[in-house]
Every structure is written in C-alpha cells, then in structure tokens.
Amino acid sequence: MITLNTCQLKQTYFVAQIHGDVETKKHLQNLGFVKNARVALMNRDNSNGVILIHNSRIALDNTILANIDLSQEMIGNEHFTTLSTVKPGQTALVLGIATGNTADDLNHALKRRLLDMGVTRGTRIYVRKVAPFGDPMELHVRGYELTLRKNEAEKVEVSVLEND
C-alpha cells in the first residue's frame, strides 16, 4: 500500500485508511482526511509535506504522512453517501452539495440556503434524530440544531466518520 509520505508528487490519490492513535485520527478527520477523500502531495522535504485536500493546502510532518494509506482508486463506497442516509448517532463530514445537472433557480436557491446555514465542505454534522418516515432530520451543525427535509439532505454529499 502507498502512504502519503512515499507517493508521487502531484498525483491524485484517495485516502484508503488512517493509522495511529484515536486523537490523531480524529484530528486528521477534522482536516478532511476521511476514507475516499481525494488528496495530492504537492511538495515534500526531509521533515514534512504539503498536501492538497478539498482545495486547501496543508503541511504535515512526515511521521503523520506515513500513517495515511492511499489508493489510486476509490475504496468501496460504504462511507461515501448523502446526508439523507446517515443514521441517528452518526457523524458525517460534508464533501459538497450536489445541485444536479440543471442550473435551475430552485437548485441554486437550495444550495445557497444550505451554505448560508453553515453546511459547507469540511463541516462535521451529527445526526441527532430522524422522524419515523425519515423526514425531517434533526442535525447538530456548528454548535446549533438544524432541521432538514429528506429531499434537501439528499443534495448534501458526505463521508460517514468511523468512531467519533
């Protein structure tokens, strides 16, 4: 398996697995290093590397980079889903908001509304409750409670975080 400290520069990879203690894993998840996250090593020297993840550049020590296993293909899709399928008690990391193929005003307004409510890339969302038929969902986002309809939650692409 390729690790982030030994991979080729400026080549796109996907995070396969993260090793290390619980605190380090949680910190890396907060930075966006979750299963199937797209990453690229942009620069490297003897002590650290600069990684491009979610359009952000992050510098990490080589000892941390050695704990991140990579693949050139996505590993399954069990953790890559939409917010509407996340179960109560689980935490998910927002990867993006899908508006579909059409650029109609309704989809644009929904995306703008979600962004205004703090549902942005890299945000952690805890699913508190889901109504009996799955609509609506009660979420904890950025320190406040948010309720979304199922059709709105289907537009939010997330990666379910392992153990929080």
N, C-alpha and C. Protein backbone atom coordinates (compact mmCIF):
# COMPACT_ATOMS: atom_id res chain seq x y z
N MET A 1 0.85 -1.18 0.00
CA MET A 1 0.00 0.00 0.00
C MET A 1 0.90 1.24 0.00
N ILE A 2 0.51 2.23 -0.74
CA ILE A 2 1.24 3.50 -0.83
C ILE A 2 0.83 4.37 0.37
N THR A 3 1.79 5.06 0.96
CA THR A 3 1.46 6.01 2.02
C THR A 3 1.69 7.42 1.49
N LEU A 4 1.15 8.38 2.19
CA LEU A 4 1.22 9.77 1.72
C LEU A 4 2.64 10.32 1.73
N ASN A 5 3.54 9.76 2.53
CA ASN A 5 4.92 10.25 2.54
C ASN A 5 5.78 9.62 1.45
N THR A 6 5.30 8.58 0.77
CA THR A 6 6.08 7.91 -0.27
C THR A 6 5.45 8.01 -1.66
N CYS A 7 4.30 8.66 -1.78
CA CYS A 7 3.62 8.72 -3.07
C CYS A 7 4.29 9.72 -4.01
N GLN A 8 3.92 9.66 -5.27
CA GLN A 8 4.47 10.57 -6.27
C GLN A 8 3.90 11.97 -6.07
N LEU A 9 4.70 12.97 -6.39
CA LEU A 9 4.24 14.35 -6.30
C LEU A 9 3.20 14.65 -7.37
N LYS A 10 2.23 15.48 -7.01
CA LYS A 10 1.20 16.00 -7.92
C LYS A 10 0.39 14.91 -8.61
N GLN A 11 0.27 13.75 -7.98
CA GLN A 11 -0.55 12.64 -8.48
C GLN A 11 -1.78 12.54 -7.57
N THR A 12 -2.96 12.34 -8.15
CA THR A 12 -4.17 12.24 -7.35
C THR A 12 -4.32 10.84 -6.79
N TYR A 13 -4.62 10.78 -5.48
CA TYR A 13 -4.86 9.53 -4.78
C TYR A 13 -6.13 9.68 -3.95
N PHE A 14 -6.58 8.57 -3.39
CA PHE A 14 -7.71 8.57 -2.48
C PHE A 14 -7.26 7.97 -1.15
N VAL A 15 -7.73 8.53 -0.05
CA VAL A 15 -7.38 8.01 1.27
C VAL A 15 -8.03 6.64 1.43
N ALA A 16 -7.23 5.64 1.77
CA ALA A 16 -7.74 4.29 1.97
C ALA A 16 -7.93 3.99 3.45
N GLN A 17 -6.95 4.39 4.27
CA GLN A 17 -7.01 4.09 5.70
C GLN A 17 -6.07 5.01 6.45
N ILE A 18 -6.41 5.30 7.70
CA ILE A 18 -5.56 6.12 8.56
C ILE A 18 -5.19 5.29 9.78
N HIS A 19 -3.89 5.25 10.08
CA HIS A 19 -3.38 4.53 11.25
C HIS A 19 -3.00 5.53 12.32
N GLY A 20 -2.80 5.02 13.53
CA GLY A 20 -2.35 5.88 14.62
C GLY A 20 -3.33 5.89 15.77
N ASP A 21 -3.04 6.76 16.74
CA ASP A 21 -3.90 6.82 17.92
C ASP A 21 -5.21 7.53 17.60
N VAL A 22 -6.18 7.39 18.50
CA VAL A 22 -7.52 7.93 18.29
C VAL A 22 -7.50 9.44 18.11
N GLU A 23 -6.70 10.12 18.90
CA GLU A 23 -6.65 11.58 18.82
C GLU A 23 -6.10 12.05 17.47
N THR A 24 -5.08 11.39 16.97
CA THR A 24 -4.50 11.75 15.67
C THR A 24 -5.51 11.49 14.56
N LYS A 25 -6.19 10.34 14.61
CA LYS A 25 -7.21 10.02 13.61
C LYS A 25 -8.31 11.08 13.59
N LYS A 26 -8.77 11.46 14.77
CA LYS A 26 -9.84 12.45 14.87
C LYS A 26 -9.39 13.80 14.31
N HIS A 27 -8.14 14.20 14.62
CA HIS A 27 -7.61 15.46 14.11
C HIS A 27 -7.53 15.42 12.57
N LEU A 28 -7.06 14.30 12.02
CA LEU A 28 -6.98 14.17 10.56
C LEU A 28 -8.36 14.18 9.93
N GLN A 29 -9.35 13.56 10.58
CA GLN A 29 -10.73 13.60 10.07
C GLN A 29 -11.24 15.03 10.04
N ASN A 30 -10.93 15.81 11.08
CA ASN A 30 -11.35 17.21 11.11
C ASN A 30 -10.72 18.02 9.97
N LEU A 31 -9.53 17.61 9.54
CA LEU A 31 -8.87 18.29 8.42
C LEU A 31 -9.40 17.82 7.06
N GLY A 32 -10.22 16.76 7.07
CA GLY A 32 -10.79 16.26 5.82
C GLY A 32 -10.21 14.95 5.35
N PHE A 33 -9.31 14.36 6.11
CA PHE A 33 -8.71 13.07 5.74
C PHE A 33 -9.64 11.95 6.16
N VAL A 34 -10.61 11.65 5.30
CA VAL A 34 -11.55 10.56 5.53
C VAL A 34 -11.43 9.59 4.36
N LYS A 35 -11.96 8.39 4.55
CA LYS A 35 -11.90 7.38 3.50
C LYS A 35 -12.45 7.95 2.20
N ASN A 36 -11.72 7.74 1.12
CA ASN A 36 -12.06 8.17 -0.23
C ASN A 36 -11.89 9.67 -0.48
N ALA A 37 -11.34 10.42 0.48
CA ALA A 37 -11.05 11.83 0.22
C ALA A 37 -9.94 11.90 -0.83
N ARG A 38 -10.09 12.81 -1.77
CA ARG A 38 -9.10 12.98 -2.83
C ARG A 38 -7.95 13.84 -2.33
N VAL A 39 -6.72 13.35 -2.46
CA VAL A 39 -5.55 14.07 -1.98
C VAL A 39 -4.44 14.05 -3.03
N ALA A 40 -3.55 15.02 -2.92
CA ALA A 40 -2.37 15.06 -3.78
C ALA A 40 -1.22 15.67 -2.98
N LEU A 41 -0.07 15.06 -3.04
CA LEU A 41 1.13 15.59 -2.39
C LEU A 41 1.76 16.60 -3.35
N MET A 42 1.80 17.85 -2.94
CA MET A 42 2.28 18.90 -3.82
C MET A 42 3.78 19.17 -3.68
N ASN A 43 4.30 18.98 -2.47
CA ASN A 43 5.71 19.28 -2.21
C ASN A 43 6.16 18.45 -1.02
N ARG A 44 7.46 18.14 -0.95
CA ARG A 44 7.95 17.34 0.16
C ARG A 44 9.41 17.71 0.40
N ASP A 45 9.80 17.70 1.69
CA ASP A 45 11.21 17.83 2.04
C ASP A 45 11.52 16.77 3.11
N ASN A 46 12.65 16.91 3.82
CA ASN A 46 13.06 15.88 4.78
C ASN A 46 12.12 15.75 5.98
N SER A 47 11.44 16.82 6.35
CA SER A 47 10.65 16.77 7.57
C SER A 47 9.14 16.82 7.37
N ASN A 48 8.65 17.40 6.25
CA ASN A 48 7.21 17.48 6.07
C ASN A 48 6.82 17.50 4.60
N GLY A 49 5.53 17.45 4.37
CA GLY A 49 4.99 17.51 3.02
C GLY A 49 3.80 18.44 2.97
N VAL A 50 3.55 19.02 1.81
CA VAL A 50 2.40 19.89 1.61
C VAL A 50 1.39 19.12 0.79
N ILE A 51 0.18 18.96 1.35
CA ILE A 51 -0.86 18.16 0.74
C ILE A 51 -1.98 19.06 0.27
N LEU A 52 -2.57 18.74 -0.87
CA LEU A 52 -3.75 19.43 -1.37
C LEU A 52 -4.94 18.52 -1.12
N ILE A 53 -5.88 18.98 -0.29
CA ILE A 53 -7.08 18.23 0.03
C ILE A 53 -8.25 19.20 0.09
N HIS A 54 -9.33 18.90 -0.60
CA HIS A 54 -10.52 19.76 -0.64
C HIS A 54 -10.14 21.20 -1.01
N ASN A 55 -9.26 21.35 -1.98
CA ASN A 55 -8.81 22.66 -2.46
C ASN A 55 -8.09 23.49 -1.39
N SER A 56 -7.57 22.83 -0.36
CA SER A 56 -6.79 23.51 0.68
C SER A 56 -5.41 22.87 0.75
N ARG A 57 -4.40 23.68 1.00
CA ARG A 57 -3.05 23.17 1.17
C ARG A 57 -2.77 23.04 2.66
N ILE A 58 -2.29 21.86 3.05
CA ILE A 58 -2.00 21.57 4.45
C ILE A 58 -0.60 20.99 4.54
N ALA A 59 0.19 21.50 5.48
CA ALA A 59 1.54 20.95 5.72
C ALA A 59 1.47 20.02 6.91
N LEU A 60 1.99 18.79 6.73
CA LEU A 60 2.00 17.80 7.80
C LEU A 60 3.39 17.18 7.89
N ASP A 61 3.75 16.78 9.11
CA ASP A 61 5.01 16.11 9.37
C ASP A 61 5.04 14.74 8.68
N ASN A 62 6.22 14.31 8.24
CA ASN A 62 6.35 13.02 7.55
C ASN A 62 5.92 11.84 8.40
N THR A 63 6.06 11.92 9.72
CA THR A 63 5.61 10.81 10.58
C THR A 63 4.09 10.66 10.52
N ILE A 64 3.38 11.76 10.38
CA ILE A 64 1.92 11.70 10.24
C ILE A 64 1.56 11.22 8.84
N LEU A 65 2.27 11.71 7.83
CA LEU A 65 2.00 11.29 6.45
C LEU A 65 2.18 9.79 6.27
N ALA A 66 3.10 9.20 7.02
CA ALA A 66 3.34 7.75 6.92
C ALA A 66 2.16 6.93 7.45
N ASN A 67 1.28 7.55 8.24
CA ASN A 67 0.12 6.85 8.79
C ASN A 67 -1.11 6.90 7.89
N ILE A 68 -0.99 7.52 6.72
CA ILE A 68 -2.14 7.66 5.81
C ILE A 68 -1.90 6.80 4.58
N ASP A 69 -2.65 5.69 4.49
CA ASP A 69 -2.57 4.80 3.34
C ASP A 69 -3.41 5.35 2.20
N LEU A 70 -2.91 5.18 0.97
CA LEU A 70 -3.56 5.72 -0.21
C LEU A 70 -3.86 4.63 -1.24
N SER A 71 -4.79 4.96 -2.12
CA SER A 71 -5.10 4.11 -3.25
C SER A 71 -5.30 5.03 -4.45
N GLN A 72 -5.10 4.50 -5.65
CA GLN A 72 -5.35 5.32 -6.83
C GLN A 72 -6.80 5.20 -7.28
N GLU A 73 -7.58 4.37 -6.60
CA GLU A 73 -9.00 4.21 -6.88
C GLU A 73 -9.77 4.39 -5.59
N MET A 74 -11.04 4.76 -5.72
CA MET A 74 -11.89 4.85 -4.54
C MET A 74 -12.06 3.46 -3.94
N ILE A 75 -12.06 3.38 -2.63
CA ILE A 75 -12.20 2.11 -1.92
C ILE A 75 -13.66 1.95 -1.54
N GLY A 76 -14.40 1.15 -2.29
CA GLY A 76 -15.81 0.94 -1.97
C GLY A 76 -16.55 2.26 -1.95
N ASN A 77 -17.76 2.24 -1.46
CA ASN A 77 -18.48 3.49 -1.28
C ASN A 77 -19.37 3.44 -0.06
N GLU A 78 -19.04 2.55 0.89
CA GLU A 78 -19.89 2.42 2.06
C GLU A 78 -19.84 3.64 2.98
N HIS A 79 -18.80 4.45 2.89
CA HIS A 79 -18.71 5.63 3.74
C HIS A 79 -18.95 6.91 2.96
N PHE A 80 -19.18 6.81 1.67
CA PHE A 80 -19.41 7.96 0.82
C PHE A 80 -20.87 7.91 0.41
N THR A 81 -21.66 8.86 0.88
CA THR A 81 -23.10 8.78 0.69
C THR A 81 -23.71 10.17 0.73
N THR A 82 -25.02 10.24 0.84
CA THR A 82 -25.70 11.52 1.02
C THR A 82 -26.15 11.63 2.47
N LEU A 83 -26.37 12.83 2.93
CA LEU A 83 -26.76 13.08 4.30
C LEU A 83 -28.08 12.38 4.66
N SER A 84 -28.95 12.20 3.70
CA SER A 84 -30.26 11.60 3.97
C SER A 84 -30.16 10.14 4.42
N THR A 85 -29.03 9.47 4.15
CA THR A 85 -28.88 8.06 4.52
C THR A 85 -28.09 7.85 5.81
N VAL A 86 -27.58 8.93 6.40
CA VAL A 86 -26.82 8.81 7.64
C VAL A 86 -27.78 8.52 8.79
N LYS A 87 -27.41 7.58 9.64
CA LYS A 87 -28.27 7.12 10.74
C LYS A 87 -28.11 8.02 11.97
N PRO A 88 -29.14 8.07 12.81
CA PRO A 88 -29.03 8.83 14.06
C PRO A 88 -27.86 8.32 14.91
N GLY A 89 -27.11 9.25 15.49
CA GLY A 89 -25.94 8.90 16.29
C GLY A 89 -24.64 8.89 15.51
N GLN A 90 -24.72 9.00 14.18
CA GLN A 90 -23.51 9.02 13.36
C GLN A 90 -23.13 10.46 13.04
N THR A 91 -21.84 10.64 12.78
CA THR A 91 -21.31 11.94 12.37
C THR A 91 -20.78 11.81 10.95
N ALA A 92 -21.03 12.83 10.16
CA ALA A 92 -20.58 12.82 8.77
C ALA A 92 -19.83 14.11 8.47
N LEU A 93 -18.92 14.03 7.51
CA LEU A 93 -18.15 15.18 7.06
C LEU A 93 -18.68 15.58 5.68
N VAL A 94 -19.04 16.84 5.51
CA VAL A 94 -19.59 17.32 4.25
C VAL A 94 -18.49 17.37 3.19
N LEU A 95 -18.75 16.72 2.05
CA LEU A 95 -17.82 16.74 0.93
C LEU A 95 -18.23 17.75 -0.12
N GLY A 96 -19.53 18.04 -0.20
CA GLY A 96 -20.02 19.00 -1.18
C GLY A 96 -21.53 18.98 -1.25
N ILE A 97 -22.07 19.87 -2.07
CA ILE A 97 -23.51 19.94 -2.29
C ILE A 97 -23.76 19.73 -3.77
N ALA A 98 -24.54 18.70 -4.09
CA ALA A 98 -24.86 18.38 -5.49
C ALA A 98 -26.14 19.10 -5.87
N THR A 99 -26.10 19.82 -6.97
CA THR A 99 -27.31 20.51 -7.42
C THR A 99 -27.91 19.87 -8.65
N GLY A 100 -27.35 18.75 -9.09
CA GLY A 100 -27.88 18.09 -10.28
C GLY A 100 -27.27 18.66 -11.54
N ASN A 101 -27.74 18.18 -12.66
CA ASN A 101 -27.20 18.61 -13.95
C ASN A 101 -27.78 19.93 -14.44
N THR A 102 -28.95 20.28 -13.95
CA THR A 102 -29.57 21.52 -14.42
C THR A 102 -29.17 22.67 -13.51
N ALA A 103 -29.11 23.83 -14.07
CA ALA A 103 -28.73 25.02 -13.31
C ALA A 103 -29.96 25.87 -13.03
N ASP A 104 -31.08 25.20 -12.68
CA ASP A 104 -32.30 25.97 -12.44
C ASP A 104 -32.22 26.76 -11.14
N ASP A 105 -33.09 27.74 -11.02
CA ASP A 105 -33.07 28.64 -9.88
C ASP A 105 -33.38 27.94 -8.57
N LEU A 106 -34.23 26.89 -8.61
CA LEU A 106 -34.61 26.17 -7.40
C LEU A 106 -33.41 25.47 -6.78
N ASN A 107 -32.63 24.75 -7.59
CA ASN A 107 -31.44 24.08 -7.09
C ASN A 107 -30.40 25.07 -6.59
N HIS A 108 -30.23 26.17 -7.29
CA HIS A 108 -29.29 27.19 -6.88
C HIS A 108 -29.72 27.81 -5.54
N ALA A 109 -31.01 28.06 -5.39
CA ALA A 109 -31.53 28.64 -4.14
C ALA A 109 -31.33 27.68 -2.97
N LEU A 110 -31.53 26.38 -3.19
CA LEU A 110 -31.34 25.39 -2.14
C LEU A 110 -29.86 25.33 -1.74
N LYS A 111 -28.97 25.32 -2.73
CA LYS A 111 -27.54 25.28 -2.42
C LYS A 111 -27.14 26.52 -1.62
N ARG A 112 -27.61 27.68 -2.04
CA ARG A 112 -27.30 28.93 -1.33
C ARG A 112 -27.82 28.88 0.10
N ARG A 113 -29.04 28.35 0.27
CA ARG A 113 -29.65 28.25 1.60
C ARG A 113 -28.84 27.32 2.50
N LEU A 114 -28.42 26.17 1.98
CA LEU A 114 -27.61 25.22 2.75
C LEU A 114 -26.27 25.85 3.15
N LEU A 115 -25.65 26.54 2.22
CA LEU A 115 -24.38 27.21 2.51
C LEU A 115 -24.57 28.28 3.58
N ASP A 116 -25.66 29.05 3.49
CA ASP A 116 -25.94 30.10 4.47
C ASP A 116 -26.16 29.52 5.87
N MET A 117 -26.68 28.30 5.94
CA MET A 117 -26.92 27.65 7.23
C MET A 117 -25.66 26.97 7.78
N GLY A 118 -24.55 27.05 7.07
CA GLY A 118 -23.29 26.50 7.57
C GLY A 118 -22.96 25.12 7.07
N VAL A 119 -23.75 24.60 6.14
CA VAL A 119 -23.47 23.27 5.58
C VAL A 119 -22.49 23.47 4.42
N THR A 120 -21.21 23.56 4.78
CA THR A 120 -20.16 23.80 3.80
C THR A 120 -19.17 22.65 3.81
N ARG A 121 -18.36 22.55 2.77
CA ARG A 121 -17.36 21.48 2.66
C ARG A 121 -16.45 21.48 3.88
N GLY A 122 -16.27 20.29 4.46
CA GLY A 122 -15.42 20.14 5.62
C GLY A 122 -16.14 20.26 6.96
N THR A 123 -17.42 20.60 6.93
CA THR A 123 -18.20 20.73 8.16
C THR A 123 -18.63 19.36 8.67
N ARG A 124 -18.53 19.19 9.98
CA ARG A 124 -18.98 17.95 10.62
C ARG A 124 -20.45 18.11 11.00
N ILE A 125 -21.25 17.10 10.69
CA ILE A 125 -22.68 17.11 11.00
C ILE A 125 -23.01 15.86 11.80
N TYR A 126 -23.60 16.07 12.98
CA TYR A 126 -24.05 14.96 13.82
C TYR A 126 -25.56 14.80 13.63
N VAL A 127 -25.99 13.59 13.29
CA VAL A 127 -27.42 13.33 13.09
C VAL A 127 -28.01 12.96 14.44
N ARG A 128 -28.86 13.84 14.98
CA ARG A 128 -29.49 13.61 16.29
C ARG A 128 -30.68 12.68 16.18
N LYS A 129 -31.64 13.04 15.35
CA LYS A 129 -32.88 12.27 15.23
C LYS A 129 -33.35 12.28 13.79
N VAL A 130 -34.12 11.25 13.46
CA VAL A 130 -34.78 11.19 12.16
C VAL A 130 -36.23 10.82 12.43
N ALA A 131 -37.16 11.53 11.83
CA ALA A 131 -38.59 11.24 12.01
C ALA A 131 -38.90 9.83 11.52
N PRO A 132 -40.01 9.25 11.96
CA PRO A 132 -40.33 7.85 11.63
C PRO A 132 -40.23 7.49 10.14
N PHE A 133 -40.63 8.37 9.26
CA PHE A 133 -40.53 8.07 7.83
C PHE A 133 -39.32 8.73 7.18
N GLY A 134 -38.37 9.19 8.01
CA GLY A 134 -37.12 9.76 7.50
C GLY A 134 -37.20 11.22 7.14
N ASP A 135 -38.31 11.87 7.44
CA ASP A 135 -38.48 13.25 7.03
C ASP A 135 -39.22 14.01 8.12
N PRO A 136 -38.67 15.00 8.75
CA PRO A 136 -37.36 15.63 8.57
C PRO A 136 -36.28 14.98 9.44
N MET A 137 -35.06 15.54 9.34
CA MET A 137 -33.91 15.09 10.12
C MET A 137 -33.48 16.22 11.04
N GLU A 138 -33.15 15.89 12.30
CA GLU A 138 -32.62 16.88 13.22
C GLU A 138 -31.11 16.70 13.29
N LEU A 139 -30.37 17.75 13.00
CA LEU A 139 -28.92 17.71 12.89
C LEU A 139 -28.27 18.68 13.85
N HIS A 140 -27.04 18.40 14.23
CA HIS A 140 -26.24 19.33 15.02
C HIS A 140 -25.11 19.80 14.11
N VAL A 141 -25.13 21.09 13.76
CA VAL A 141 -24.16 21.67 12.83
C VAL A 141 -23.56 22.93 13.44
N ARG A 142 -22.23 22.96 13.57
CA ARG A 142 -21.54 24.17 14.04
C ARG A 142 -22.12 24.75 15.33
N GLY A 143 -22.51 23.88 16.27
CA GLY A 143 -22.98 24.33 17.56
C GLY A 143 -24.46 24.67 17.65
N TYR A 144 -25.24 24.43 16.62
CA TYR A 144 -26.67 24.69 16.68
C TYR A 144 -27.44 23.54 16.07
N GLU A 145 -28.75 23.52 16.34
CA GLU A 145 -29.61 22.46 15.81
C GLU A 145 -30.23 22.92 14.49
N LEU A 146 -30.25 22.03 13.53
CA LEU A 146 -30.79 22.32 12.21
C LEU A 146 -31.71 21.18 11.80
N THR A 147 -32.85 21.51 11.25
CA THR A 147 -33.77 20.50 10.75
C THR A 147 -33.86 20.64 9.23
N LEU A 148 -33.65 19.51 8.54
CA LEU A 148 -33.70 19.49 7.08
C LEU A 148 -34.71 18.45 6.61
N ARG A 149 -35.34 18.72 5.50
CA ARG A 149 -36.19 17.74 4.83
C ARG A 149 -35.30 16.71 4.16
N LYS A 150 -35.85 15.53 3.93
CA LYS A 150 -35.09 14.44 3.32
C LYS A 150 -34.60 14.83 1.92
N ASN A 151 -35.46 15.48 1.14
CA ASN A 151 -35.05 15.87 -0.22
C ASN A 151 -33.94 16.91 -0.22
N GLU A 152 -33.84 17.72 0.84
CA GLU A 152 -32.74 18.67 0.96
C GLU A 152 -31.46 17.93 1.38
N ALA A 153 -31.60 16.99 2.31
CA ALA A 153 -30.45 16.22 2.79
C ALA A 153 -29.86 15.34 1.70
N GLU A 154 -30.66 14.95 0.72
CA GLU A 154 -30.17 14.14 -0.40
C GLU A 154 -29.18 14.89 -1.27
N LYS A 155 -29.19 16.20 -1.20
CA LYS A 155 -28.29 17.02 -2.01
C LYS A 155 -26.91 17.18 -1.37
N VAL A 156 -26.79 16.82 -0.08
CA VAL A 156 -25.53 17.01 0.65
C VAL A 156 -24.73 15.72 0.59
N GLU A 157 -23.58 15.78 -0.08
CA GLU A 157 -22.69 14.61 -0.20
C GLU A 157 -21.76 14.59 1.01
N VAL A 158 -21.71 13.42 1.69
CA VAL A 158 -20.94 13.32 2.92
C VAL A 158 -20.13 12.03 2.94
N SER A 159 -19.19 12.00 3.87
CA SER A 159 -18.46 10.79 4.20
C SER A 159 -18.72 10.53 5.67
N VAL A 160 -19.22 9.33 5.98
CA VAL A 160 -19.53 8.99 7.37
C VAL A 160 -18.22 8.74 8.10
N LEU A 161 -18.06 9.39 9.25
CA LEU A 161 -16.85 9.24 10.04
C LEU A 161 -16.96 7.98 10.88
N GLU A 162 -15.84 7.29 11.03
CA GLU A 162 -15.79 6.00 11.71
C GLU A 162 -16.27 6.09 13.15
N ASN A 163 -15.36 6.23 14.08
CA ASN A 163 -15.70 6.33 15.51
C ASN A 163 -15.39 7.72 15.99
N ASP A 164 -16.41 8.39 16.42
CA ASP A 164 -16.25 9.77 16.87
C ASP A 164 -16.09 9.88 18.34
